[in-house]
Protein backbone atom coordinates (compact mmCIF):
# COMPACT_ATOMS: atom_id res chain seq x y z
CA MET A 1 151.51 114.69 112.41
CA LYS A 2 152.05 110.99 112.33
CA TYR A 3 150.15 110.48 115.75
CA VAL A 4 147.50 112.86 114.44
CA LYS A 5 146.90 110.43 111.34
CA ARG A 6 146.96 107.58 113.32
CA LEU A 7 144.28 109.10 116.02
CA LEU A 8 142.02 110.13 112.97
CA LEU A 9 142.24 106.78 111.41
CA TYR A 10 141.34 105.17 114.91
CA LEU A 11 138.31 107.48 115.03
CA ILE A 12 137.26 106.54 111.61
CA ILE A 13 137.36 102.84 112.08
CA PHE A 14 135.64 103.33 115.67
CA GLY A 15 132.85 105.39 114.14
CA PHE A 16 132.29 103.02 111.26
CA THR A 17 132.23 99.81 113.72
CA PHE A 18 130.10 101.52 116.06
CA SER A 19 127.66 102.91 113.36
CA VAL A 20 127.47 99.49 111.71
CA SER A 21 126.90 97.62 115.22
CA CYS A 22 124.04 100.00 116.07
CA VAL A 23 122.25 99.22 112.64
CA ILE A 24 122.90 95.55 113.31
CA VAL A 25 121.43 95.63 116.73
CA LEU A 26 118.52 97.57 115.70
CA ARG A 27 117.70 95.17 113.02
CA PHE A 28 116.38 92.81 115.76
CA ILE A 29 115.01 94.89 118.53
CA PRO A 30 112.44 97.45 118.81
CA VAL A 31 113.38 101.06 118.29
CA THR A 32 111.84 102.90 121.21
CA MET A 33 113.96 105.82 121.78
CA THR A 34 115.88 107.94 119.19
CA PRO A 35 117.70 111.38 119.10
CA VAL A 36 114.47 112.87 117.43
CA LYS A 37 112.16 111.93 120.37
CA ILE A 38 114.43 113.31 122.93
CA THR A 39 115.13 116.66 120.97
CA LYS A 40 111.42 117.15 120.24
CA PHE A 41 110.49 116.30 123.79
CA ILE A 42 112.60 118.95 125.04
CA GLU A 43 111.26 121.40 122.59
CA ASN A 44 107.78 120.50 123.35
CA LEU A 45 108.00 120.16 126.86
CA GLY A 46 106.07 123.42 128.11
CA GLU A 47 103.31 122.75 125.67
CA GLU A 48 102.88 118.81 125.58
CA GLY A 49 104.12 117.99 128.97
CA PHE A 50 106.09 114.90 129.86
CA ALA A 51 104.13 112.29 128.19
CA ILE A 52 105.65 110.68 124.97
CA ARG A 53 102.93 108.46 123.06
CA SER A 54 104.71 105.45 121.37
CA ASN A 55 103.70 101.81 121.16
CA TRP A 56 106.02 99.58 119.23
CA VAL A 57 104.10 96.97 117.11
CA PRO A 58 105.47 94.41 114.79
CA LEU A 59 104.75 94.89 111.00
CA HIS A 60 102.37 92.06 110.90
CA LYS A 61 100.05 93.78 113.33
CA ILE A 62 99.85 96.76 111.10
CA ASN A 63 97.01 96.81 108.61
CA PRO A 64 98.50 96.57 105.09
CA THR A 65 96.27 99.46 104.28
CA MET A 66 98.44 101.58 106.37
CA ILE A 67 101.41 100.37 104.34
CA ARG A 68 99.86 101.34 101.02
CA ALA A 69 98.98 104.77 102.53
CA VAL A 70 102.60 105.70 103.22
CA ILE A 71 103.93 104.22 100.02
CA ALA A 72 101.32 106.23 98.02
CA THR A 73 102.17 109.45 99.78
CA GLU A 74 105.79 109.19 100.51
CA ASP A 75 107.65 106.68 98.29
CA ASN A 76 106.07 104.83 95.37
CA PHE A 77 109.26 103.03 94.35
CA PHE A 78 110.24 101.93 98.10
CA LEU A 79 110.49 98.40 97.19
CA PHE A 80 112.49 98.90 94.22
CA HIS A 81 115.20 101.60 94.95
CA HIS A 82 118.36 101.16 97.19
CA GLY A 83 117.64 104.12 99.34
CA PHE A 84 117.60 106.97 97.10
CA ASP A 85 114.89 107.76 94.33
CA ILE A 86 117.23 109.57 91.75
CA ASP A 87 114.19 110.43 89.35
CA ALA A 88 112.29 112.02 92.36
CA ILE A 89 115.56 113.96 93.39
CA LYS A 90 116.05 115.23 89.90
CA GLN A 91 112.17 116.44 89.80
CA ALA A 92 112.48 118.08 93.10
CA ILE A 93 115.68 120.01 92.10
CA GLN A 94 113.96 121.07 88.83
CA HIS A 95 110.84 122.12 90.65
CA ASN A 96 112.59 123.93 93.33
CA ARG A 97 114.57 126.19 90.99
CA GLN A 98 111.33 127.84 89.92
CA GLY A 99 111.15 129.08 93.52
CA LYS A 100 107.48 128.76 94.01
CA THR A 101 107.18 125.96 96.52
CA VAL A 102 109.84 123.51 97.97
CA ARG A 103 109.58 119.89 97.14
CA GLY A 104 111.30 117.10 98.92
CA ALA A 105 112.41 113.98 97.49
CA SER A 106 113.27 111.85 100.64
CA THR A 107 112.45 108.22 100.41
CA ILE A 108 111.07 106.11 103.34
CA SER A 109 114.54 104.61 103.80
CA GLN A 110 116.02 108.19 103.99
CA GLN A 111 113.20 109.30 106.36
CA THR A 112 113.75 106.20 108.63
CA ALA A 113 117.59 106.80 108.93
CA LYS A 114 116.86 110.47 109.60
CA ASN A 115 114.20 109.56 112.45
CA VAL A 116 116.26 106.71 113.98
CA PHE A 117 119.98 108.12 113.67
CA CYS A 118 119.94 111.79 113.42
CA THR A 119 118.83 115.01 115.24
CA THR A 120 116.48 117.63 113.88
CA ALA A 121 119.14 119.87 112.72
CA ARG A 122 118.78 121.10 109.26
CA THR A 123 122.37 121.13 108.22
CA TRP A 124 124.26 119.54 105.34
CA LEU A 125 126.33 117.54 107.96
CA ARG A 126 123.01 116.00 109.11
CA LYS A 127 121.99 115.15 105.64
CA GLY A 128 125.27 113.48 105.09
CA ILE A 129 124.87 111.44 108.26
CA GLU A 130 121.28 110.52 107.15
CA SER A 131 122.72 109.44 103.78
CA TYR A 132 125.27 107.19 105.27
CA TYR A 133 122.83 105.53 107.57
CA THR A 134 120.46 105.25 104.56
CA ILE A 135 122.91 103.10 102.70
CA LEU A 136 123.66 101.19 105.98
CA ILE A 137 120.12 100.23 106.49
CA GLU A 138 119.36 99.33 102.91
CA LEU A 139 122.36 96.82 103.12
CA LEU A 140 121.77 95.65 106.62
CA TRP A 141 118.08 95.57 106.90
CA SER A 142 115.25 94.08 104.87
CA LYS A 143 112.54 96.36 103.07
CA ARG A 144 110.20 94.64 105.40
CA ARG A 145 112.20 95.89 108.63
CA ILE A 146 112.75 99.43 106.92
CA MET A 147 109.02 99.59 106.63
CA GLU A 148 108.42 98.25 110.23
CA VAL A 149 110.69 100.85 111.79
CA TYR A 150 109.38 103.63 109.90
CA LEU A 151 105.72 102.91 110.76
CA ASN A 152 106.52 102.92 114.49
CA VAL A 153 108.85 106.09 114.60
CA ILE A 154 106.89 108.63 112.38
CA GLU A 155 105.75 111.51 114.16
CA THR A 156 102.09 112.28 113.70
CA ARG A 157 101.61 115.11 116.34
CA PRO A 158 103.97 116.55 118.78
CA ASN A 159 105.16 113.77 120.96
CA VAL A 160 102.86 111.31 119.42
CA TYR A 161 104.96 108.47 117.30
CA GLY A 162 104.06 105.57 115.40
CA VAL A 163 100.93 104.31 114.09
CA GLU A 164 99.84 102.28 117.01
CA ALA A 165 99.97 105.43 119.34
CA THR A 166 98.08 107.38 116.77
CA ALA A 167 95.30 104.92 116.09
CA ARG A 168 94.77 104.47 119.79
CA ARG A 169 94.59 108.31 120.58
CA TYR A 170 92.66 109.51 117.52
CA TYR A 171 90.59 106.66 116.30
CA ASP A 172 90.12 104.46 119.31
CA THR A 173 91.40 101.57 117.74
CA THR A 174 94.68 99.68 116.84
CA ALA A 175 96.96 99.76 113.72
CA GLU A 176 95.78 96.37 112.99
CA GLU A 177 92.28 97.45 112.64
CA LEU A 178 92.72 100.72 110.75
CA ASN A 179 90.50 101.26 107.81
CA THR A 180 91.32 103.01 104.45
CA TYR A 181 90.20 106.38 105.45
CA GLU A 182 92.21 106.27 108.89
CA ALA A 183 95.21 105.10 107.28
CA ALA A 184 94.98 107.92 104.65
CA MET A 185 94.36 110.60 107.26
CA ILE A 186 97.48 109.38 109.12
CA ALA A 187 99.60 109.33 106.01
CA SER A 188 98.39 112.84 104.96
CA VAL A 189 99.77 114.55 108.21
CA LEU A 190 103.24 113.14 107.93
CA PRO A 191 104.61 116.11 105.93
CA SER A 192 103.51 118.55 108.57
CA PRO A 193 102.62 116.85 112.05
CA GLN A 194 103.15 120.15 113.90
CA ARG A 195 100.52 121.96 111.80
CA LEU A 196 97.99 119.36 110.72
CA ASN A 197 95.91 117.76 113.28
CA LEU A 198 93.88 114.49 113.32
CA ALA A 199 92.05 115.76 116.29
CA ALA A 200 90.63 118.72 114.33
CA PRO A 201 91.11 118.03 110.46
CA SER A 202 90.98 121.02 108.41
CA SER A 203 89.49 121.04 104.93
CA TYR A 204 92.99 120.97 103.40
CA LEU A 205 93.80 117.71 105.41
CA THR A 206 90.37 116.20 104.42
CA ARG A 207 90.97 116.90 100.68
CA ARG A 208 94.49 115.59 100.89
CA ALA A 209 93.31 112.19 102.52
CA ALA A 210 91.06 111.95 99.69
CA THR A 211 93.62 112.35 97.09
CA VAL A 212 95.57 109.84 98.90
CA ARG A 213 92.84 107.30 98.99
CA GLY A 214 92.86 107.80 95.24
CA LEU A 215 96.64 107.31 94.99
CA MET A 216 96.42 104.04 96.98
CA ASN A 217 93.84 102.58 94.45
CA LYS A 218 96.65 103.14 91.68
CA LEU A 219 98.99 101.08 93.63
CA PRO A 220 99.57 97.29 92.76
CA PRO A 221 99.32 95.06 95.92
CA VAL A 222 102.26 95.48 98.23
CA ASP A 223 104.33 92.36 98.44
CA PHE A 224 107.62 92.51 99.94
CA ASP A 225 108.70 89.05 98.38
CA ASP A 226 107.55 89.74 94.77
CA PRO A 227 106.91 93.34 94.29
CA VAL A 228 105.16 94.86 91.08
CA PRO A 229 106.21 98.32 89.96
CA PRO A 230 103.56 101.12 90.40
CA VAL A 231 102.46 103.50 87.83
CA LYS A 232 105.04 106.12 87.18
CA ASN A 233 104.25 109.50 88.76
CA SER A 234 101.56 108.43 91.01
CA ARG A 235 103.11 109.90 94.11
CA TYR A 236 101.27 112.69 96.05
CA GLU A 237 102.62 116.21 95.27
């Protein structure tokens, strides 16, 4: 039993050291391959072929309009929370108890942790790992870096990742030159990239993007160094 406890302790120390080291390294280098990309590449192999469209770009080469769009749709208080939006979680729990529709409350930090360090499995174990890495990236990365990674790993269609690849494929432009309409459309597909298609936008997607543009107008300027709190409850629902 003594040896089992010692082995368990060593495994915990190794796991902690390895995870922290990975987060520190990925603070400085482009995140080009993730467990999600590998898993979904295998899942989409028959339908989408062998191509994975993903082009890493630094944050300063992404139009600020795109940053406003994802903050408006996904996480109004991204610049202010420490990884978890407690108010949003409480509202989601209360809403989901009614049983009509399911509302999520994942922040951009949580989504980044999931997309970079986790698989696509929908289990409590994965959620626990996601929460652990959310804490790590909030401690070891800046908000600017979290946003940079997030915008480079988000899935917008099967095997299409990041705003640069999306801008090139669907709008024949770059992430740096995206306009408000295009940014809102891209942000609008994030909840369901398997179902919503920028190449053939449905009336629902078009209406959703229009709502997103309205929400973007409610946000104060996005300043990573001196942020201003947004209006409460201006997030897309």
